[in-house]
């Protein structure tokens, strides 16, 4: 009985991850500006992969493989936002037509 509950909860997390990936794909194609697209992609990667890996951790049970998946989640939660932020800063500093897409403060 406990195995079925574990499987159902893990499957719920996996389906949630798939829904988050679908929202990410929709946002990446729907938005016009590159920073909006990148925000959706970074959110989807970080949150979607995290939720999916939690589902896999629940389904596989708690042992050494679960620890490896938890370390992958920690790495992705640190690496993905940092890399997206750096790419966004590069876009913001090199885009000559930035005023068309957002309000820019003059220093």
PDB file of N, CA and C in Angstrom:
ATOM      1  N   UNK A   1       0.826  -1.198   0.000  1.00  0.00           N
ATOM      2  CA  UNK A   1       0.000   0.000   0.000  1.00  0.00           C
ATOM      3  C   UNK A   1       0.868   1.258   0.000  1.00  0.00           C
ATOM      4  N   UNK A   2       1.926   1.260   0.789  1.00  0.00           N
ATOM      5  CA  UNK A   2       2.803   2.423   0.867  1.00  0.00           C
ATOM      6  C   UNK A   2       3.516   2.668  -0.463  1.00  0.00           C
ATOM      7  N   UNK A   3       3.827   1.599  -1.187  1.00  0.00           N
ATOM      8  CA  UNK A   3       4.480   1.755  -2.487  1.00  0.00           C
ATOM      9  C   UNK A   3       3.570   2.465  -3.488  1.00  0.00           C
ATOM     10  N   UNK A   4       2.272   2.172  -3.446  1.00  0.00           N
ATOM     11  CA  UNK A   4       1.342   2.842  -4.350  1.00  0.00           C
ATOM     12  C   UNK A   4       1.215   4.321  -4.024  1.00  0.00           C
ATOM     13  N   UNK A   5       1.182   4.648  -2.740  1.00  0.00           N
ATOM     14  CA  UNK A   5       1.106   6.050  -2.344  1.00  0.00           C
ATOM     15  C   UNK A   5       2.371   6.779  -2.776  1.00  0.00           C
ATOM     16  N   UNK A   6       3.519   6.144  -2.576  1.00  0.00           N
ATOM     17  CA  UNK A   6       4.796   6.719  -2.996  1.00  0.00           C
ATOM     18  C   UNK A   6       4.810   6.932  -4.507  1.00  0.00           C
ATOM     19  N   UNK A   7       4.319   5.960  -5.260  1.00  0.00           N
ATOM     20  CA  UNK A   7       4.271   6.064  -6.712  1.00  0.00           C
ATOM     21  C   UNK A   7       3.323   7.181  -7.162  1.00  0.00           C
ATOM     22  N   UNK A   8       2.167   7.299  -6.528  1.00  0.00           N
ATOM     23  CA  UNK A   8       1.192   8.324  -6.911  1.00  0.00           C
ATOM     24  C   UNK A   8       1.712   9.728  -6.615  1.00  0.00           C
ATOM     25  N   UNK A   9       2.355   9.926  -5.471  1.00  0.00           N
ATOM     26  CA  UNK A   9       2.909  11.239  -5.137  1.00  0.00           C
ATOM     27  C   UNK A   9       4.038  11.590  -6.094  1.00  0.00           C
ATOM     28  N   UNK A  10       4.908  10.625  -6.385  1.00  0.00           N
ATOM     29  CA  UNK A  10       5.987  10.861  -7.343  1.00  0.00           C
ATOM     30  C   UNK A  10       5.460  11.185  -8.727  1.00  0.00           C
ATOM     31  N   UNK A  11       4.415  10.487  -9.150  1.00  0.00           N
ATOM     32  CA  UNK A  11       3.810  10.747 -10.453  1.00  0.00           C
ATOM     33  C   UNK A  11       3.181  12.135 -10.488  1.00  0.00           C
ATOM     34  N   UNK A  12       2.575  12.564  -9.392  1.00  0.00           N
ATOM     35  CA  UNK A  12       2.005  13.907  -9.314  1.00  0.00           C
ATOM     36  C   UNK A  12       3.091  14.967  -9.489  1.00  0.00           C
ATOM     37  N   UNK A  13       4.247  14.756  -8.845  1.00  0.00           N
ATOM     38  CA  UNK A  13       5.362  15.691  -9.020  1.00  0.00           C
ATOM     39  C   UNK A  13       5.877  15.686 -10.456  1.00  0.00           C
ATOM     40  N   UNK A  14       5.968  14.522 -11.072  1.00  0.00           N
ATOM     41  CA  UNK A  14       6.424  14.446 -12.463  1.00  0.00           C
ATOM     42  C   UNK A  14       5.450  15.139 -13.412  1.00  0.00           C
ATOM     43  N   UNK A  15       4.154  14.953 -13.201  1.00  0.00           N
ATOM     44  CA  UNK A  15       3.165  15.627 -14.045  1.00  0.00           C
ATOM     45  C   UNK A  15       3.215  17.140 -13.843  1.00  0.00           C
ATOM     46  N   UNK A  16       3.453  17.571 -12.620  1.00  0.00           N
ATOM     47  CA  UNK A  16       3.605  19.002 -12.362  1.00  0.00           C
ATOM     48  C   UNK A  16       4.821  19.543 -13.111  1.00  0.00           C
ATOM     49  N   UNK A  17       5.918  18.799 -13.109  1.00  0.00           N
ATOM     50  CA  UNK A  17       7.109  19.202 -13.852  1.00  0.00           C
ATOM     51  C   UNK A  17       6.843  19.299 -15.343  1.00  0.00           C
ATOM     52  N   UNK A  18       6.075  18.373 -15.874  1.00  0.00           N
ATOM     53  CA  UNK A  18       5.742  18.405 -17.300  1.00  0.00           C
ATOM     54  C   UNK A  18       4.878  19.631 -17.617  1.00  0.00           C
ATOM     55  N   UNK A  19       3.954  19.964 -16.741  1.00  0.00           N
ATOM     56  CA  UNK A  19       3.125  21.159 -16.940  1.00  0.00           C
ATOM     57  C   UNK A  19       3.986  22.411 -16.912  1.00  0.00           C
ATOM     58  N   UNK A  20       4.944  22.468 -15.994  1.00  0.00           N
ATOM     59  CA  UNK A  20       5.848  23.618 -15.918  1.00  0.00           C
ATOM     60  C   UNK A  20       6.682  23.719 -17.188  1.00  0.00           C
ATOM     61  N   UNK A  21       7.149  22.601 -17.719  1.00  0.00           N
ATOM     62  CA  UNK A  21       7.886  22.617 -18.980  1.00  0.00           C
ATOM     63  C   UNK A  21       7.008  23.117 -20.121  1.00  0.00           C
ATOM     64  N   UNK A  22       5.738  22.727 -20.128  1.00  0.00           N
ATOM     65  CA  UNK A  22       4.820  23.211 -21.158  1.00  0.00           C
ATOM     66  C   UNK A  22       4.626  24.720 -21.083  1.00  0.00           C
ATOM     67  N   UNK A  23       4.492  25.252 -19.871  1.00  0.00           N
ATOM     68  CA  UNK A  23       4.377  26.701 -19.694  1.00  0.00           C
ATOM     69  C   UNK A  23       5.649  27.391 -20.154  1.00  0.00           C
ATOM     70  N   UNK A  24       6.794  26.779 -19.861  1.00  0.00           N
ATOM     71  CA  UNK A  24       8.077  27.343 -20.305  1.00  0.00           C
ATOM     72  C   UNK A  24       8.151  27.423 -21.827  1.00  0.00           C
ATOM     73  N   UNK A  25       7.776  26.371 -22.489  1.00  0.00           N
ATOM     74  CA  UNK A  25       7.819  26.349 -23.954  1.00  0.00           C
ATOM     75  C   UNK A  25       6.855  27.381 -24.533  1.00  0.00           C
ATOM     76  N   UNK A  26       5.658  27.471 -23.964  1.00  0.00           N
ATOM     77  CA  UNK A  26       4.689  28.461 -24.424  1.00  0.00           C
ATOM     78  C   UNK A  26       5.249  29.869 -24.253  1.00  0.00           C
ATOM     79  N   UNK A  27       5.836  30.159 -23.099  1.00  0.00           N
ATOM     80  CA  UNK A  27       6.391  31.485 -22.847  1.00  0.00           C
ATOM     81  C   UNK A  27       7.579  31.807 -23.738  1.00  0.00           C
ATOM     82  N   UNK A  28       8.389  30.809 -24.019  1.00  0.00           N
ATOM     83  CA  UNK A  28       9.557  31.044 -24.866  1.00  0.00           C
ATOM     84  C   UNK A  28       9.144  31.402 -26.297  1.00  0.00           C
ATOM     85  N   UNK A  29       8.033  30.868 -26.760  1.00  0.00           N
ATOM     86  CA  UNK A  29       7.572  31.191 -28.104  1.00  0.00           C
ATOM     87  C   UNK A  29       6.593  32.360 -28.139  1.00  0.00           C
ATOM     88  N   UNK A  30       5.941  32.645 -27.038  1.00  0.00           N
ATOM     89  CA  UNK A  30       4.912  33.677 -27.004  1.00  0.00           C
ATOM     90  C   UNK A  30       5.486  35.080 -26.848  1.00  0.00           C
ATOM     91  N   UNK A  31       6.480  35.237 -25.968  1.00  0.00           N
ATOM     92  CA  UNK A  31       7.018  36.569 -25.699  1.00  0.00           C
ATOM     93  C   UNK A  31       7.880  37.047 -26.858  1.00  0.00           C
ATOM     94  N   UNK A  32       7.903  38.367 -27.037  1.00  0.00           N
ATOM     95  CA  UNK A  32       8.630  38.947 -28.159  1.00  0.00           C
ATOM     96  C   UNK A  32      10.070  39.312 -27.812  1.00  0.00           C
ATOM     97  N   UNK A  33      10.280  39.835 -26.621  1.00  0.00           N
ATOM     98  CA  UNK A  33      11.603  40.346 -26.274  1.00  0.00           C
ATOM     99  C   UNK A  33      12.458  39.241 -25.673  1.00  0.00           C
ATOM    100  N   UNK A  34      13.751  39.295 -25.955  1.00  0.00           N
ATOM    101  CA  UNK A  34      14.660  38.223 -25.575  1.00  0.00           C
ATOM    102  C   UNK A  34      14.773  38.061 -24.056  1.00  0.00           C
ATOM    103  N   UNK A  35      14.708  39.149 -23.300  1.00  0.00           N
ATOM    104  CA  UNK A  35      14.811  39.022 -21.843  1.00  0.00           C
ATOM    105  C   UNK A  35      13.575  38.354 -21.247  1.00  0.00           C
ATOM    106  N   UNK A  36      12.412  38.601 -21.816  1.00  0.00           N
ATOM    107  CA  UNK A  36      11.204  37.914 -21.354  1.00  0.00           C
ATOM    108  C   UNK A  36      11.280  36.422 -21.662  1.00  0.00           C
ATOM    109  N   UNK A  37      11.754  36.101 -22.847  1.00  0.00           N
ATOM    110  CA  UNK A  37      11.916  34.687 -23.210  1.00  0.00           C
ATOM    111  C   UNK A  37      12.919  33.989 -22.301  1.00  0.00           C
ATOM    112  N   UNK A  38      13.995  34.697 -22.026  1.00  0.00           N
ATOM    113  CA  UNK A  38      15.026  34.095 -21.188  1.00  0.00           C
ATOM    114  C   UNK A  38      14.537  33.894 -19.755  1.00  0.00           C
ATOM    115  N   UNK A  39      13.707  34.814 -19.270  1.00  0.00           N
ATOM    116  CA  UNK A  39      13.150  34.655 -17.933  1.00  0.00           C
ATOM    117  C   UNK A  39      12.282  33.404 -17.848  1.00  0.00           C
ATOM    118  N   UNK A  40      11.436  33.193 -18.854  1.00  0.00           N
ATOM    119  CA  UNK A  40      10.589  32.001 -18.867  1.00  0.00           C
ATOM    120  C   UNK A  40      11.429  30.732 -18.958  1.00  0.00           C
ATOM    121  N   UNK A  41      12.463  30.755 -19.781  1.00  0.00           N
ATOM    122  CA  UNK A  41      13.307  29.571 -19.935  1.00  0.00           C
ATOM    123  C   UNK A  41      14.060  29.265 -18.644  1.00  0.00           C
ATOM    124  N   UNK A  42      14.568  30.283 -17.986  1.00  0.00           N
ATOM    125  CA  UNK A  42      15.302  30.057 -16.736  1.00  0.00           C
ATOM    126  C   UNK A  42      14.375  29.572 -15.634  1.00  0.00           C
ATOM    127  N   UNK A  43      13.183  30.152 -15.550  1.00  0.00           N
ATOM    128  CA  UNK A  43      12.211  29.717 -14.551  1.00  0.00           C
ATOM    129  C   UNK A  43      11.814  28.263 -14.787  1.00  0.00           C
ATOM    130  N   UNK A  44      11.510  27.951 -16.041  1.00  0.00           N
ATOM    131  CA  UNK A  44      11.094  26.587 -16.362  1.00  0.00           C
ATOM    132  C   UNK A  44      12.180  25.570 -16.115  1.00  0.00           C
ATOM    133  N   UNK A  45      13.400  25.914 -16.486  1.00  0.00           N
ATOM    134  CA  UNK A  45      14.496  24.971 -16.255  1.00  0.00           C
ATOM    135  C   UNK A  45      14.721  24.739 -14.766  1.00  0.00           C
ATOM    136  N   UNK A  46      14.806  25.803 -14.016  1.00  0.00           N
ATOM    137  CA  UNK A  46      15.111  25.674 -12.597  1.00  0.00           C
ATOM    138  C   UNK A  46      13.984  24.980 -11.847  1.00  0.00           C
ATOM    139  N   UNK A  47      12.778  25.468 -12.011  1.00  0.00           N
ATOM    140  CA  UNK A  47      11.651  24.937 -11.245  1.00  0.00           C
ATOM    141  C   UNK A  47      11.157  23.606 -11.805  1.00  0.00           C
ATOM    142  N   UNK A  48      11.075  23.496 -13.129  1.00  0.00           N
ATOM    143  CA  UNK A  48      10.576  22.266 -13.745  1.00  0.00           C
ATOM    144  C   UNK A  48      11.472  21.068 -13.496  1.00  0.00           C
ATOM    145  N   UNK A  49      12.764  21.255 -13.667  1.00  0.00           N
ATOM    146  CA  UNK A  49      13.690  20.154 -13.419  1.00  0.00           C
ATOM    147  C   UNK A  49      13.713  19.801 -11.940  1.00  0.00           C
ATOM    148  N   UNK A  50      13.641  20.815 -11.082  1.00  0.00           N
ATOM    149  CA  UNK A  50      13.629  20.553  -9.635  1.00  0.00           C
ATOM    150  C   UNK A  50      12.422  19.728  -9.216  1.00  0.00           C
ATOM    151  N   UNK A  51      11.247  20.116  -9.696  1.00  0.00           N
ATOM    152  CA  UNK A  51      10.030  19.381  -9.343  1.00  0.00           C
ATOM    153  C   UNK A  51      10.063  17.969  -9.934  1.00  0.00           C
ATOM    154  N   UNK A  52      10.533  17.835 -11.151  1.00  0.00           N
ATOM    155  CA  UNK A  52      10.614  16.506 -11.776  1.00  0.00           C
ATOM    156  C   UNK A  52      11.592  15.596 -11.028  1.00  0.00           C
ATOM    157  N   UNK A  53      12.723  16.137 -10.632  1.00  0.00           N
ATOM    158  CA  UNK A  53      13.685  15.326  -9.888  1.00  0.00           C
ATOM    159  C   UNK A  53      13.166  14.954  -8.505  1.00  0.00           C
ATOM    160  N   UNK A  54      12.402  15.825  -7.875  1.00  0.00           N
ATOM    161  CA  UNK A  54      11.786  15.463  -6.592  1.00  0.00           C
ATOM    162  C   UNK A  54      10.830  14.291  -6.799  1.00  0.00           C
ATOM    163  N   UNK A  55      10.064  14.325  -7.887  1.00  0.00           N
ATOM    164  CA  UNK A  55       9.183  13.198  -8.200  1.00  0.00           C
ATOM    165  C   UNK A  55       9.955  11.907  -8.412  1.00  0.00           C
ATOM    166  N   UNK A  56      11.074  11.989  -9.127  1.00  0.00           N
ATOM    167  CA  UNK A  56      11.904  10.788  -9.320  1.00  0.00           C
ATOM    168  C   UNK A  56      12.517  10.313  -8.014  1.00  0.00           C
ATOM    169  N   UNK A  57      12.866  11.252  -7.139  1.00  0.00           N
ATOM    170  CA  UNK A  57      13.409  10.871  -5.834  1.00  0.00           C
ATOM    171  C   UNK A  57      12.368  10.125  -5.007  1.00  0.00           C
ATOM    172  N   UNK A  58      11.139  10.581  -5.053  1.00  0.00           N
ATOM    173  CA  UNK A  58      10.078   9.925  -4.300  1.00  0.00           C
ATOM    174  C   UNK A  58       9.798   8.540  -4.870  1.00  0.00           C
ATOM    175  N   UNK A  59       9.755   8.425  -6.183  1.00  0.00           N
ATOM    176  CA  UNK A  59       9.461   7.129  -6.804  1.00  0.00           C
ATOM    177  C   UNK A  59      10.585   6.122  -6.553  1.00  0.00           C
ATOM    178  N   UNK A  60      11.841   6.560  -6.656  1.00  0.00           N
ATOM    179  CA  UNK A  60      12.952   5.615  -6.528  1.00  0.00           C
ATOM    180  C   UNK A  60      13.221   5.208  -5.089  1.00  0.00           C
ATOM    181  N   UNK A  61      12.681   5.907  -4.129  1.00  0.00           N
ATOM    182  CA  UNK A  61      12.948   5.575  -2.731  1.00  0.00           C
ATOM    183  C   UNK A  61      14.146   6.370  -2.239  1.00  0.00           C
ATOM    184  N   UNK A  62      14.442   6.201  -0.988  1.00  0.00           N
ATOM    185  CA  UNK A  62      15.493   6.998  -0.373  1.00  0.00           C
ATOM    186  C   UNK A  62      16.749   6.150  -0.168  1.00  0.00           C
ATOM    187  N   UNK A  63      17.731   6.374  -1.048  1.00  0.00           N
ATOM    188  CA  UNK A  63      19.034   5.710  -0.954  1.00  0.00           C
ATOM    189  C   UNK A  63      20.069   6.608  -1.620  1.00  0.00           C
ATOM    190  N   UNK A  64      21.204   6.065  -2.018  1.00  0.00           N
ATOM    191  CA  UNK A  64      22.305   6.881  -2.518  1.00  0.00           C
ATOM    192  C   UNK A  64      21.950   7.611  -3.814  1.00  0.00           C
ATOM    193  N   UNK A  65      21.148   7.010  -4.672  1.00  0.00           N
ATOM    194  CA  UNK A  65      20.727   7.663  -5.906  1.00  0.00           C
ATOM    195  C   UNK A  65      19.886   8.901  -5.601  1.00  0.00           C
ATOM    196  N   UNK A  66      19.108   8.846  -4.554  1.00  0.00           N
ATOM    197  CA  UNK A  66      18.311  10.004  -4.145  1.00  0.00           C
ATOM    198  C   UNK A  66      19.219  11.159  -3.745  1.00  0.00           C
ATOM    199  N   UNK A  67      20.303  10.848  -3.061  1.00  0.00           N
ATOM    200  CA  UNK A  67      21.265  11.882  -2.684  1.00  0.00           C
ATOM    201  C   UNK A  67      21.882  12.523  -3.929  1.00  0.00           C
ATOM    202  N   UNK A  68      22.192  11.724  -4.921  1.00  0.00           N
ATOM    203  CA  UNK A  68      22.744  12.270  -6.167  1.00  0.00           C
ATOM    204  C   UNK A  68      21.749  13.210  -6.843  1.00  0.00           C
ATOM    205  N   UNK A  69      20.479  12.813  -6.881  1.00  0.00           N
ATOM    206  CA  UNK A  69      19.471  13.680  -7.494  1.00  0.00           C
ATOM    207  C   UNK A  69      19.290  14.963  -6.692  1.00  0.00           C
ATOM    208  N   UNK A  70      19.382  14.887  -5.390  1.00  0.00           N
ATOM    209  CA  UNK A  70      19.285  16.093  -4.559  1.00  0.00           C
ATOM    210  C   UNK A  70      20.457  17.031  -4.837  1.00  0.00           C
ATOM    211  N   UNK A  71      21.645  16.483  -5.038  1.00  0.00           N
ATOM    212  CA  UNK A  71      22.799  17.319  -5.371  1.00  0.00           C
ATOM    213  C   UNK A  71      22.647  17.962  -6.751  1.00  0.00           C
ATOM    214  N   UNK A  72      22.025  17.260  -7.681  1.00  0.00           N
ATOM    215  CA  UNK A  72      21.751  17.843  -8.995  1.00  0.00           C
ATOM    216  C   UNK A  72      20.790  19.016  -8.859  1.00  0.00           C
ATOM    217  N   UNK A  73      19.772  18.863  -8.016  1.00  0.00           N
ATOM    218  CA  UNK A  73      18.826  19.964  -7.784  1.00  0.00           C
ATOM    219  C   UNK A  73      19.547  21.167  -7.208  1.00  0.00           C
ATOM    220  N   UNK A  74      20.404  20.955  -6.220  1.00  0.00           N
ATOM    221  CA  UNK A  74      21.142  22.061  -5.605  1.00  0.00           C
ATOM    222  C   UNK A  74      22.035  22.747  -6.642  1.00  0.00           C
ATOM    223  N   UNK A  75      22.713  21.966  -7.463  1.00  0.00           N
ATOM    224  CA  UNK A  75      23.569  22.546  -8.493  1.00  0.00           C
ATOM    225  C   UNK A  75      22.759  23.367  -9.483  1.00  0.00           C
ATOM    226  N   UNK A  76      21.644  22.827  -9.961  1.00  0.00           N
ATOM    227  CA  UNK A  76      20.838  23.539 -10.945  1.00  0.00           C
ATOM    228  C   UNK A  76      20.200  24.794 -10.359  1.00  0.00           C
ATOM    229  N   UNK A  77      19.802  24.755  -9.092  1.00  0.00           N
ATOM    230  CA  UNK A  77      19.202  25.926  -8.470  1.00  0.00           C
ATOM    231  C   UNK A  77      20.223  27.030  -8.266  1.00  0.00           C
ATOM    232  N   UNK A  78      21.494  26.684  -8.263  1.00  0.00           N
ATOM    233  CA  UNK A  78      22.538  27.702  -8.158  1.00  0.00           C
ATOM    234  C   UNK A  78      23.059  28.132  -9.529  1.00  0.00           C
ATOM    235  N   UNK A  79      23.220  27.217 -10.448  1.00  0.00           N
ATOM    236  CA  UNK A  79      23.858  27.519 -11.727  1.00  0.00           C
ATOM    237  C   UNK A  79      22.915  28.182 -12.729  1.00  0.00           C
ATOM    238  N   UNK A  80      21.698  27.736 -12.844  1.00  0.00           N
ATOM    239  CA  UNK A  80      20.799  28.251 -13.874  1.00  0.00           C
ATOM    240  C   UNK A  80      20.441  29.726 -13.681  1.00  0.00           C
ATOM    241  N   UNK A  81      20.059  30.174 -12.499  1.00  0.00           N
ATOM    242  CA  UNK A  81      19.756  31.609 -12.361  1.00  0.00           C
ATOM    243  C   UNK A  81      20.978  32.503 -12.560  1.00  0.00           C
ATOM    244  N   UNK A  82      22.142  32.040 -12.124  1.00  0.00           N
ATOM    245  CA  UNK A  82      23.352  32.845 -12.283  1.00  0.00           C
ATOM    246  C   UNK A  82      23.710  32.990 -13.753  1.00  0.00           C
ATOM    247  N   UNK A  83      23.666  31.909 -14.500  1.00  0.00           N
ATOM    248  CA  UNK A  83      24.002  31.993 -15.919  1.00  0.00           C
ATOM    249  C   UNK A  83      22.962  32.817 -16.681  1.00  0.00           C
ATOM    250  N   UNK A  84      21.690  32.684 -16.340  1.00  0.00           N
ATOM    251  CA  UNK A  84      20.659  33.491 -16.998  1.00  0.00           C
ATOM    252  C   UNK A  84      20.838  34.972 -16.680  1.00  0.00           C
ATOM    253  N   UNK A  85      21.205  35.272 -15.458  1.00  0.00           N
ATOM    254  CA  UNK A  85      21.429  36.667 -15.076  1.00  0.00           C
ATOM    255  C   UNK A  85      22.606  37.264 -15.847  1.00  0.00           C
ATOM    256  N   UNK A  86      23.673  36.500 -16.008  1.00  0.00           N
ATOM    257  CA  UNK A  86      24.825  37.003 -16.749  1.00  0.00           C
ATOM    258  C   UNK A  86      24.490  37.241 -18.220  1.00  0.00           C
ATOM    259  N   UNK A  87      23.742  36.352 -18.816  1.00  0.00           N
ATOM    260  CA  UNK A  87      23.343  36.536 -20.206  1.00  0.00           C
ATOM    261  C   UNK A  87      22.415  37.744 -20.335  1.00  0.00           C
ATOM    262  N   UNK A  88      21.512  37.936 -19.364  1.00  0.00           N
ATOM    263  CA  UNK A  88      20.607  39.087 -19.396  1.00  0.00           C
ATOM    264  C   UNK A  88      21.385  40.400 -19.236  1.00  0.00           C
ATOM    265  N   UNK A  89      22.394  40.409 -18.391  1.00  0.00           N
ATOM    266  CA  UNK A  89      23.213  41.623 -18.241  1.00  0.00           C
ATOM    267  C   UNK A  89      23.956  41.932 -19.529  1.00  0.00           C
ATOM    268  N   UNK A  90      24.452  40.908 -20.186  1.00  0.00           N
ATOM    269  CA  UNK A  90      25.131  41.106 -21.468  1.00  0.00           C
ATOM    270  C   UNK A  90      24.166  41.698 -22.491  1.00  0.00           C
ATOM    271  N   UNK A  91      22.959  41.188 -22.546  1.00  0.00           N
ATOM    272  CA  UNK A  91      21.954  41.712 -23.475  1.00  0.00           C
ATOM    273  C   UNK A  91      21.614  43.160 -23.130  1.00  0.00           C
ATOM    274  N   UNK A  92      21.455  43.459 -21.861  1.00  0.00           N
ATOM    275  CA  UNK A  92      21.066  44.812 -21.453  1.00  0.00           C
ATOM    276  C   UNK A  92      22.181  45.821 -21.712  1.00  0.00           C
ATOM    277  N   UNK A  93      23.439  45.413 -21.578  1.00  0.00           N
ATOM    278  CA  UNK A  93      24.538  46.365 -21.783  1.00  0.00           C
ATOM    279  C   UNK A  93      24.910  46.531 -23.247  1.00  0.00           C
ATOM    280  N   UNK A  94      24.627  45.549 -24.086  1.00  0.00           N
ATOM    281  CA  UNK A  94      25.033  45.643 -25.489  1.00  0.00           C
ATOM    282  C   UNK A  94      23.890  46.008 -26.429  1.00  0.00           C
ATOM    283  N   UNK A  95      22.656  46.011 -25.962  1.00  0.00           N
ATOM    284  CA  UNK A  95      21.524  46.316 -26.834  1.00  0.00           C
ATOM    285  C   UNK A  95      21.390  47.824 -26.980  1.00  0.00           C
ATOM    286  N   UNK A  96      21.488  48.299 -28.190  1.00  0.00           N
ATOM    287  CA  UNK A  96      21.392  49.732 -28.454  1.00  0.00           C
ATOM    288  C   UNK A  96      19.951  50.216 -28.481  1.00  0.00           C
ATOM    289  N   UNK A  97      19.002  49.329 -28.697  1.00  0.00           N
ATOM    290  CA  UNK A  97      17.589  49.697 -28.782  1.00  0.00           C
ATOM    291  C   UNK A  97      16.823  49.266 -27.528  1.00  0.00           C
ATOM    292  N   UNK A  98      17.474  49.337 -26.388  1.00  0.00           N
ATOM    293  CA  UNK A  98      16.870  48.876 -25.142  1.00  0.00           C
ATOM    294  C   UNK A  98      15.665  49.724 -24.743  1.00  0.00           C
ATOM    295  N   UNK A  99      15.668  51.005 -25.087  1.00  0.00           N
ATOM    296  CA  UNK A  99      14.580  51.897 -24.706  1.00  0.00           C
ATOM    297  C   UNK A  99      13.251  51.511 -25.350  1.00  0.00           C
ATOM    298  N   UNK A 100      13.299  50.775 -26.451  1.00  0.00           N
ATOM    299  CA  UNK A 100      12.069  50.343 -27.106  1.00  0.00           C
ATOM    300  C   UNK A 100      11.313  49.313 -26.273  1.00  0.00           C
ATOM    301  N   UNK A 101      12.025  48.574 -25.442  1.00  0.00           N
ATOM    302  CA  UNK A 101      11.424  47.461 -24.727  1.00  0.00           C
ATOM    303  C   UNK A 101      11.182  47.731 -23.246  1.00  0.00           C
ATOM    304  N   UNK A 102      11.877  48.695 -22.672  1.00  0.00           N
ATOM    305  CA  UNK A 102      11.717  48.952 -21.253  1.00  0.00           C
ATOM    306  C   UNK A 102      12.128  50.385 -20.934  1.00  0.00           C
ATOM    307  N   UNK A 103      11.790  50.801 -19.730  1.00  0.00           N
ATOM    308  CA  UNK A 103      12.162  52.133 -19.260  1.00  0.00           C
ATOM    309  C   UNK A 103      13.548  52.054 -18.645  1.00  0.00           C
ATOM    310  N   UNK A 104      14.457  52.896 -19.114  1.00  0.00           N
ATOM    311  CA  UNK A 104      15.842  52.858 -18.671  1.00  0.00           C
ATOM    312  C   UNK A 104      16.145  54.100 -17.845  1.00  0.00           C
ATOM    313  N   UNK A 105      16.716  53.887 -16.647  1.00  0.00           N
ATOM    314  CA  UNK A 105      17.112  55.029 -15.807  1.00  0.00           C
ATOM    315  C   UNK A 105      18.440  55.590 -16.298  1.00  0.00           C
ATOM    316  N   UNK A 106      18.529  56.886 -16.356  1.00  0.00           N
ATOM    317  CA  UNK A 106      19.781  57.547 -16.729  1.00  0.00           C
ATOM    318  C   UNK A 106      20.578  57.807 -15.461  1.00  0.00           C
ATOM    319  N   UNK A 107      21.829  57.451 -15.474  1.00  0.00           N
ATOM    320  CA  UNK A 107      22.675  57.655 -14.292  1.00  0.00           C
ATOM    321  C   UNK A 107      23.334  58.998 -14.303  1.00  0.00           C
TER     322      UNK A 107
END
